Amino acid sequence: MRARLAALVRDVPDFPRPGVLFKDITPLLADARAFAECIAALARPWRGQRVAAVCGIEARGFIFGAALATALGVGFVPLRKAGKLPSATLGIDFELEYAHTRLEIHADALAPGTRALLVDDVLATGGTLLAARQLLDRLGATLAGAAVVVELESLQGRARWPAGVALRSLLRY
């Protein structure tokens, strides 16, 4: 199954800037069977883990996060770029591998103690997942862990993730 999914992830050299090899997941998304298999595989380790909400990170984390929330039978909470959420927010500024950005969550998105799962498409340097984790901490949520479709091992993002907190990746490059 993983080999079939990996075959649907396309390499795009020099995107979004020279020297970056982008892992394009749109062919995987376009294949209904593969996408369903991907969501089932992402959900498997979290069943029975008392996850109460899935938090998807903009933008492609929304795709996987919303589908994963449905598969787990829980609600979906978006973590968005600055200025995209209509109500009061909490935010955090952080560095990406090739940019500086801000991530926000509604201030009332999760009640303290809510057991939440973070979801994104790619784990690269780990900055985005770390920022998302910090936002959940500020809300008082309990972090169940994180799930990503693709992990770029050479960028060592996993090293920034706290020891003892589950981080599951489906495909590793």
C-alpha atoms as a PDB file:
ATOM      1  CA  MET A   1       0.000   0.000   0.000  1.00  0.00           C
ATOM      2  CA  ARG A   2       2.761   2.475   0.916  1.00  0.00           C
ATOM      3  CA  ALA A   3       4.592   1.811  -2.347  1.00  0.00           C
ATOM      4  CA  ARG A   4       1.391   2.474  -4.297  1.00  0.00           C
ATOM      5  CA  LEU A   5       0.844   5.748  -2.433  1.00  0.00           C
ATOM      6  CA  ALA A   6       4.497   6.761  -2.806  1.00  0.00           C
ATOM      7  CA  ALA A   7       4.243   6.222  -6.568  1.00  0.00           C
ATOM      8  CA  LEU A   8       1.547   8.913  -6.609  1.00  0.00           C
ATOM      9  CA  VAL A   9       3.755  11.564  -4.974  1.00  0.00           C
ATOM     10  CA  ARG A  10       5.485  13.542  -7.716  1.00  0.00           C
ATOM     11  CA  ASP A  11       8.843  15.303  -7.407  1.00  0.00           C
ATOM     12  CA  VAL A  12       8.858  18.902  -8.652  1.00  0.00           C
ATOM     13  CA  PRO A  13      12.388  20.341  -8.744  1.00  0.00           C
ATOM     14  CA  ASP A  14      13.058  24.002  -7.957  1.00  0.00           C
ATOM     15  CA  PHE A  15       9.626  24.719  -6.470  1.00  0.00           C
ATOM     16  CA  PRO A  16       8.809  27.079  -4.803  1.00  0.00           C
ATOM     17  CA  ARG A  17      12.392  28.277  -5.250  1.00  0.00           C
ATOM     18  CA  PRO A  18      15.626  26.979  -6.797  1.00  0.00           C
ATOM     19  CA  GLY A  19      17.188  24.108  -4.901  1.00  0.00           C
ATOM     20  CA  VAL A  20      13.949  22.845  -3.320  1.00  0.00           C
ATOM     21  CA  LEU A  21      12.628  19.433  -4.387  1.00  0.00           C
ATOM     22  CA  PHE A  22       8.877  19.730  -3.744  1.00  0.00           C
ATOM     23  CA  LYS A  23       6.843  16.587  -2.991  1.00  0.00           C
ATOM     24  CA  ASP A  24       3.559  17.116  -4.849  1.00  0.00           C
ATOM     25  CA  ILE A  25       0.686  15.107  -3.368  1.00  0.00           C
ATOM     26  CA  THR A  26      -1.953  16.230  -5.890  1.00  0.00           C
ATOM     27  CA  PRO A  27      -1.705  12.992  -7.959  1.00  0.00           C
ATOM     28  CA  LEU A  28      -2.443  11.026  -4.763  1.00  0.00           C
ATOM     29  CA  LEU A  29      -5.447  13.245  -4.052  1.00  0.00           C
ATOM     30  CA  ALA A  30      -6.748  12.749  -7.601  1.00  0.00           C
ATOM     31  CA  ASP A  31      -6.857   8.958  -7.158  1.00  0.00           C
ATOM     32  CA  ALA A  32      -9.977   8.231  -5.077  1.00  0.00           C
ATOM     33  CA  ARG A  33      -8.855   4.748  -4.030  1.00  0.00           C
ATOM     34  CA  ALA A  34      -5.377   5.908  -3.067  1.00  0.00           C
ATOM     35  CA  PHE A  35      -6.744   8.877  -1.121  1.00  0.00           C
ATOM     36  CA  ALA A  36      -9.137   6.589   0.783  1.00  0.00           C
ATOM     37  CA  GLU A  37      -6.248   4.195   1.547  1.00  0.00           C
ATOM     38  CA  CYS A  38      -4.144   7.130   2.718  1.00  0.00           C
ATOM     39  CA  ILE A  39      -6.829   8.343   5.128  1.00  0.00           C
ATOM     40  CA  ALA A  40      -7.442   4.815   6.436  1.00  0.00           C
ATOM     41  CA  ALA A  41      -3.706   4.366   7.062  1.00  0.00           C
ATOM     42  CA  LEU A  42      -3.459   7.773   8.780  1.00  0.00           C
ATOM     43  CA  ALA A  43      -6.448   6.933  11.007  1.00  0.00           C
ATOM     44  CA  ARG A  44      -5.322   3.445  12.015  1.00  0.00           C
ATOM     45  CA  PRO A  45      -2.857   4.358  14.824  1.00  0.00           C
ATOM     46  CA  TRP A  46      -5.242   6.917  16.351  1.00  0.00           C
ATOM     47  CA  ARG A  47      -8.297   4.684  16.735  1.00  0.00           C
ATOM     48  CA  GLY A  48      -8.886   4.014  20.410  1.00  0.00           C
ATOM     49  CA  GLN A  49      -6.576   6.879  21.432  1.00  0.00           C
ATOM     50  CA  ARG A  50      -9.423   9.104  22.712  1.00  0.00           C
ATOM     51  CA  VAL A  51      -8.802  11.801  20.114  1.00  0.00           C
ATOM     52  CA  ALA A  52     -11.579  14.400  20.451  1.00  0.00           C
ATOM     53  CA  ALA A  53     -10.555  16.788  17.646  1.00  0.00           C
ATOM     54  CA  VAL A  54      -8.323  16.865  14.583  1.00  0.00           C
ATOM     55  CA  CYS A  55      -6.454  20.123  13.951  1.00  0.00           C
ATOM     56  CA  GLY A  56      -5.438  20.553  10.311  1.00  0.00           C
ATOM     57  CA  ILE A  57      -2.737  22.993   9.277  1.00  0.00           C
ATOM     58  CA  GLU A  58      -3.328  25.283   6.293  1.00  0.00           C
ATOM     59  CA  ALA A  59      -3.352  24.550   3.493  1.00  0.00           C
ATOM     60  CA  ARG A  60      -2.890  20.910   2.500  1.00  0.00           C
ATOM     61  CA  GLY A  61      -3.242  19.785   6.110  1.00  0.00           C
ATOM     62  CA  PHE A  62      -6.892  20.825   5.754  1.00  0.00           C
ATOM     63  CA  ILE A  63      -7.434  18.179   3.088  1.00  0.00           C
ATOM     64  CA  PHE A  64      -6.041  15.333   5.158  1.00  0.00           C
ATOM     65  CA  GLY A  65      -7.209  16.697   8.501  1.00  0.00           C
ATOM     66  CA  ALA A  66     -10.861  17.083   7.535  1.00  0.00           C
ATOM     67  CA  ALA A  67     -10.980  13.618   5.985  1.00  0.00           C
ATOM     68  CA  LEU A  68      -9.184  12.142   8.995  1.00  0.00           C
ATOM     69  CA  ALA A  69     -11.600  13.852  11.415  1.00  0.00           C
ATOM     70  CA  THR A  70     -14.488  12.277   9.515  1.00  0.00           C
ATOM     71  CA  ALA A  71     -12.795   8.853   9.595  1.00  0.00           C
ATOM     72  CA  LEU A  72     -12.261   9.151  13.364  1.00  0.00           C
ATOM     73  CA  GLY A  73     -15.765  10.548  13.987  1.00  0.00           C
ATOM     74  CA  VAL A  74     -14.514  13.766  15.620  1.00  0.00           C
ATOM     75  CA  GLY A  75     -14.592  17.483  14.864  1.00  0.00           C
ATOM     76  CA  PHE A  76     -12.136  19.414  12.716  1.00  0.00           C
ATOM     77  CA  VAL A  77     -10.312  22.588  13.811  1.00  0.00           C
ATOM     78  CA  PRO A  78      -8.447  24.675  11.210  1.00  0.00           C
ATOM     79  CA  LEU A  79      -5.088  26.274  11.980  1.00  0.00           C
ATOM     80  CA  ARG A  80      -4.805  29.118   9.482  1.00  0.00           C
ATOM     81  CA  LYS A  81      -2.449  31.705   8.114  1.00  0.00           C
ATOM     82  CA  ALA A  82      -2.719  35.184   9.638  1.00  0.00           C
ATOM     83  CA  GLY A  83      -5.927  37.134   9.094  1.00  0.00           C
ATOM     84  CA  LYS A  84      -8.035  34.238   7.748  1.00  0.00           C
ATOM     85  CA  LEU A  85     -10.121  33.399  10.836  1.00  0.00           C
ATOM     86  CA  PRO A  86     -13.156  35.623  11.522  1.00  0.00           C
ATOM     87  CA  SER A  87     -13.257  35.554  15.339  1.00  0.00           C
ATOM     88  CA  ALA A  88     -10.741  36.217  18.142  1.00  0.00           C
ATOM     89  CA  THR A  89      -7.523  34.277  17.582  1.00  0.00           C
ATOM     90  CA  LEU A  90      -4.282  33.214  19.194  1.00  0.00           C
ATOM     91  CA  GLY A  91      -1.258  33.303  16.899  1.00  0.00           C
ATOM     92  CA  ILE A  92       2.399  32.442  16.699  1.00  0.00           C
ATOM     93  CA  ASP A  93       5.129  33.619  14.326  1.00  0.00           C
ATOM     94  CA  PHE A  94       7.670  31.051  13.118  1.00  0.00           C
ATOM     95  CA  GLU A  95      10.209  30.207  10.408  1.00  0.00           C
ATOM     96  CA  LEU A  96       9.628  27.779   7.555  1.00  0.00           C
ATOM     97  CA  GLU A  97      12.454  26.254   5.571  1.00  0.00           C
ATOM     98  CA  TYR A  98      12.171  29.121   3.073  1.00  0.00           C
ATOM     99  CA  ALA A  99       9.912  31.782   4.626  1.00  0.00           C
ATOM    100  CA  HIS A 100       8.647  33.507   7.782  1.00  0.00           C
ATOM    101  CA  THR A 101       4.944  33.153   8.579  1.00  0.00           C
ATOM    102  CA  ARG A 102       2.240  33.209  11.238  1.00  0.00           C
ATOM    103  CA  LEU A 103      -0.219  30.498  12.258  1.00  0.00           C
ATOM    104  CA  GLU A 104      -3.496  31.237  14.064  1.00  0.00           C
ATOM    105  CA  ILE A 105      -6.314  29.349  15.768  1.00  0.00           C
ATOM    106  CA  HIS A 106      -9.639  30.593  17.101  1.00  0.00           C
ATOM    107  CA  ALA A 107      -9.206  31.425  20.785  1.00  0.00           C
ATOM    108  CA  ASP A 108     -12.248  29.280  21.612  1.00  0.00           C
ATOM    109  CA  ALA A 109     -11.527  26.404  19.211  1.00  0.00           C
ATOM    110  CA  LEU A 110     -10.655  23.838  21.879  1.00  0.00           C
ATOM    111  CA  ALA A 111     -11.664  23.670  25.518  1.00  0.00           C
ATOM    112  CA  PRO A 112      -8.828  23.103  27.993  1.00  0.00           C
ATOM    113  CA  GLY A 113      -8.029  19.396  28.234  1.00  0.00           C
ATOM    114  CA  THR A 114      -9.444  18.535  24.796  1.00  0.00           C
ATOM    115  CA  ARG A 115      -7.346  15.700  23.334  1.00  0.00           C
ATOM    116  CA  ALA A 116      -6.306  16.902  19.876  1.00  0.00           C
ATOM    117  CA  LEU A 117      -4.399  15.424  16.953  1.00  0.00           C
ATOM    118  CA  LEU A 118      -2.328  17.691  14.671  1.00  0.00           C
ATOM    119  CA  VAL A 119      -2.329  16.875  10.949  1.00  0.00           C
ATOM    120  CA  ASP A 120      -0.277  18.220   8.050  1.00  0.00           C
ATOM    121  CA  ASP A 121       0.741  16.979   4.635  1.00  0.00           C
ATOM    122  CA  VAL A 122       4.535  17.241   5.023  1.00  0.00           C
ATOM    123  CA  LEU A 123       7.019  17.275   7.879  1.00  0.00           C
ATOM    124  CA  ALA A 124      10.105  19.143   6.660  1.00  0.00           C
ATOM    125  CA  THR A 125      12.105  21.168   9.205  1.00  0.00           C
ATOM    126  CA  GLY A 126       9.399  20.762  11.852  1.00  0.00           C
ATOM    127  CA  GLY A 127       8.703  24.467  12.338  1.00  0.00           C
ATOM    128  CA  THR A 128       5.044  24.313  11.364  1.00  0.00           C
ATOM    129  CA  LEU A 129       4.202  21.348  13.599  1.00  0.00           C
ATOM    130  CA  LEU A 130       6.104  22.902  16.490  1.00  0.00           C
ATOM    131  CA  ALA A 131       4.210  26.198  16.101  1.00  0.00           C
ATOM    132  CA  ALA A 132       0.896  24.332  15.921  1.00  0.00           C
ATOM    133  CA  ARG A 133       1.801  22.397  19.062  1.00  0.00           C
ATOM    134  CA  GLN A 134       2.579  25.648  20.863  1.00  0.00           C
ATOM    135  CA  LEU A 135      -0.829  27.056  19.889  1.00  0.00           C
ATOM    136  CA  LEU A 136      -2.581  23.988  21.283  1.00  0.00           C
ATOM    137  CA  ASP A 137      -0.541  24.327  24.481  1.00  0.00           C
ATOM    138  CA  ARG A 138      -1.645  27.952  24.808  1.00  0.00           C
ATOM    139  CA  LEU A 139      -5.287  26.853  24.561  1.00  0.00           C
ATOM    140  CA  GLY A 140      -4.704  24.241  27.246  1.00  0.00           C
ATOM    141  CA  ALA A 141      -5.491  21.356  24.886  1.00  0.00           C
ATOM    142  CA  THR A 142      -3.904  17.954  25.405  1.00  0.00           C
ATOM    143  CA  LEU A 143      -1.797  16.867  22.438  1.00  0.00           C
ATOM    144  CA  ALA A 144      -2.518  13.280  21.381  1.00  0.00           C
ATOM    145  CA  GLY A 145       0.224  13.530  18.747  1.00  0.00           C
ATOM    146  CA  ALA A 146       0.703  14.412  15.122  1.00  0.00           C
ATOM    147  CA  ALA A 147       0.207  12.713  11.769  1.00  0.00           C
ATOM    148  CA  VAL A 148       1.759  13.638   8.433  1.00  0.00           C
ATOM    149  CA  VAL A 149       1.526  12.051   5.015  1.00  0.00           C
ATOM    150  CA  VAL A 150       5.135  12.749   3.957  1.00  0.00           C
ATOM    151  CA  GLU A 151       8.252  13.105   6.110  1.00  0.00           C
ATOM    152  CA  LEU A 152      11.408  14.529   4.541  1.00  0.00           C
ATOM    153  CA  GLU A 153      13.939  12.762   6.780  1.00  0.00           C
ATOM    154  CA  SER A 154      16.977  14.673   5.516  1.00  0.00           C
ATOM    155  CA  LEU A 155      15.571  17.930   6.961  1.00  0.00           C
ATOM    156  CA  GLN A 156      15.403  16.353  10.455  1.00  0.00           C
ATOM    157  CA  GLY A 157      12.099  17.920  11.489  1.00  0.00           C
ATOM    158  CA  ARG A 158      11.367  14.976  13.779  1.00  0.00           C
ATOM    159  CA  ALA A 159      14.291  16.074  15.964  1.00  0.00           C
ATOM    160  CA  ARG A 160      12.322  19.206  16.930  1.00  0.00           C
ATOM    161  CA  TRP A 161       9.315  17.159  18.036  1.00  0.00           C
ATOM    162  CA  PRO A 162       9.064  16.498  21.797  1.00  0.00           C
ATOM    163  CA  ALA A 163      10.203  13.081  22.991  1.00  0.00           C
ATOM    164  CA  GLY A 164       7.377  10.881  24.160  1.00  0.00           C
ATOM    165  CA  VAL A 165       4.725  12.533  21.954  1.00  0.00           C
ATOM    166  CA  ALA A 166       3.595  10.344  19.054  1.00  0.00           C
ATOM    167  CA  LEU A 167       4.479  11.530  15.541  1.00  0.00           C
ATOM    168  CA  ARG A 168       3.327   9.240  12.730  1.00  0.00           C
ATOM    169  CA  SER A 169       4.379   9.648   9.111  1.00  0.00           C
ATOM    170  CA  LEU A 170       2.958   7.535   6.321  1.00  0.00           C
ATOM    171  CA  LEU A 171       5.683   8.044   3.680  1.00  0.00           C
ATOM    172  CA  ARG A 172       9.333   8.836   4.350  1.00  0.00           C
ATOM    173  CA  TYR A 173      11.846  10.233   1.874  1.00  0.00           C
END
